[in-house]
Amino acid sequence: NACFAGRRIVLFSGGEAKDEASVLAEVKEVAAGGGAGSIMGRNAFQRKYEDAISLLNKITAIYKS
């Protein structure tokens, strides 16, 4: 399910390439500020499949909390 409390998570393909810790820190800041997403798709699309799925699961968990 891609909808949380009436909001959807959308993955855009832009954003600066970063390490996982930096991506997650940015997502936490956005979520804490009331945001529902950020442009960080490059950080998923340019990783190995397994690493991308792991990262996206962590991001989803942040926005669900």
C-alpha atoms as a PDB file:
ATOM      1  CA  ASN A   1       0.000   0.000   0.000  1.00  0.00           C
ATOM      2  CA  ALA A   2       1.487   3.324  -1.072  1.00  0.00           C
ATOM      3  CA  CYS A   3      -0.909   5.586   0.824  1.00  0.00           C
ATOM      4  CA  PHE A   4      -0.430   6.665   4.449  1.00  0.00           C
ATOM      5  CA  ALA A   5      -3.122   8.756   6.149  1.00  0.00           C
ATOM      6  CA  GLY A   6      -4.322   9.932   2.743  1.00  0.00           C
ATOM      7  CA  ARG A   7      -0.825  10.828   1.492  1.00  0.00           C
ATOM      8  CA  ARG A   8       1.146   9.035  -1.182  1.00  0.00           C
ATOM      9  CA  ILE A   9       4.887   8.581  -1.411  1.00  0.00           C
ATOM     10  CA  VAL A  10       6.127   9.571  -4.861  1.00  0.00           C
ATOM     11  CA  LEU A  11       9.633   8.786  -6.053  1.00  0.00           C
ATOM     12  CA  PHE A  12      11.078  11.373  -8.445  1.00  0.00           C
ATOM     13  CA  SER A  13      14.177  10.538 -10.426  1.00  0.00           C
ATOM     14  CA  GLY A  14      16.258  13.595  -9.529  1.00  0.00           C
ATOM     15  CA  GLY A  15      18.249  14.576  -6.521  1.00  0.00           C
ATOM     16  CA  GLU A  16      21.915  14.575  -5.703  1.00  0.00           C
ATOM     17  CA  ALA A  17      23.566  11.155  -5.356  1.00  0.00           C
ATOM     18  CA  LYS A  18      24.388  10.520  -1.679  1.00  0.00           C
ATOM     19  CA  ASP A  19      25.336   7.694   0.632  1.00  0.00           C
ATOM     20  CA  GLU A  20      22.507   5.879   2.415  1.00  0.00           C
ATOM     21  CA  ALA A  21      23.036   7.606   5.763  1.00  0.00           C
ATOM     22  CA  SER A  22      22.767  11.034   4.124  1.00  0.00           C
ATOM     23  CA  VAL A  23      19.609  10.080   2.214  1.00  0.00           C
ATOM     24  CA  LEU A  24      17.938   8.772   5.364  1.00  0.00           C
ATOM     25  CA  ALA A  25      18.968  11.855   7.372  1.00  0.00           C
ATOM     26  CA  GLU A  26      17.433  14.113   4.712  1.00  0.00           C
ATOM     27  CA  VAL A  27      14.216  12.064   4.615  1.00  0.00           C
ATOM     28  CA  LYS A  28      13.935  12.238   8.416  1.00  0.00           C
ATOM     29  CA  GLU A  29      14.321  16.030   8.294  1.00  0.00           C
ATOM     30  CA  VAL A  30      11.682  16.365   5.578  1.00  0.00           C
ATOM     31  CA  ALA A  31       9.263  14.105   7.450  1.00  0.00           C
ATOM     32  CA  ALA A  32       9.861  15.950  10.739  1.00  0.00           C
ATOM     33  CA  GLY A  33       9.030  19.206   8.973  1.00  0.00           C
ATOM     34  CA  GLY A  34       5.693  17.810   7.779  1.00  0.00           C
ATOM     35  CA  GLY A  35       6.805  16.985   4.233  1.00  0.00           C
ATOM     36  CA  ALA A  36       5.493  13.938   2.424  1.00  0.00           C
ATOM     37  CA  GLY A  37       8.469  13.309   0.152  1.00  0.00           C
ATOM     38  CA  SER A  38      11.631  14.576  -1.404  1.00  0.00           C
ATOM     39  CA  ILE A  39      13.359  14.273  -4.757  1.00  0.00           C
ATOM     40  CA  MET A  40      15.819  11.462  -4.147  1.00  0.00           C
ATOM     41  CA  GLY A  41      15.036   8.840  -6.776  1.00  0.00           C
ATOM     42  CA  ARG A  42      18.543   8.821  -8.213  1.00  0.00           C
ATOM     43  CA  ASN A  43      19.634   7.401  -4.869  1.00  0.00           C
ATOM     44  CA  ALA A  44      17.437   4.369  -5.457  1.00  0.00           C
ATOM     45  CA  PHE A  45      17.700   4.028  -9.230  1.00  0.00           C
ATOM     46  CA  GLN A  46      21.507   4.003  -9.268  1.00  0.00           C
ATOM     47  CA  ARG A  47      21.928   1.306  -6.614  1.00  0.00           C
ATOM     48  CA  LYS A  48      21.900  -2.449  -6.977  1.00  0.00           C
ATOM     49  CA  TYR A  49      18.330  -3.764  -6.888  1.00  0.00           C
ATOM     50  CA  GLU A  50      18.632  -5.309  -3.418  1.00  0.00           C
ATOM     51  CA  ASP A  51      20.212  -2.147  -1.985  1.00  0.00           C
ATOM     52  CA  ALA A  52      17.551   0.040  -3.602  1.00  0.00           C
ATOM     53  CA  ILE A  53      14.711  -2.042  -2.153  1.00  0.00           C
ATOM     54  CA  SER A  54      16.316  -1.922   1.286  1.00  0.00           C
ATOM     55  CA  LEU A  55      16.703   1.861   1.092  1.00  0.00           C
ATOM     56  CA  LEU A  56      13.116   2.355  -0.111  1.00  0.00           C
ATOM     57  CA  ASN A  57      11.798   0.165   2.709  1.00  0.00           C
ATOM     58  CA  LYS A  58      13.675   2.317   5.232  1.00  0.00           C
ATOM     59  CA  ILE A  59      12.315   5.498   3.646  1.00  0.00           C
ATOM     60  CA  THR A  60       8.776   4.129   3.702  1.00  0.00           C
ATOM     61  CA  ALA A  61       9.156   3.269   7.385  1.00  0.00           C
ATOM     62  CA  ILE A  62      10.213   6.851   8.141  1.00  0.00           C
ATOM     63  CA  TYR A  63       7.184   8.348   6.394  1.00  0.00           C
ATOM     64  CA  LYS A  64       4.829   5.797   7.998  1.00  0.00           C
ATOM     65  CA  SER A  65       5.957   6.740  11.510  1.00  0.00           C
END
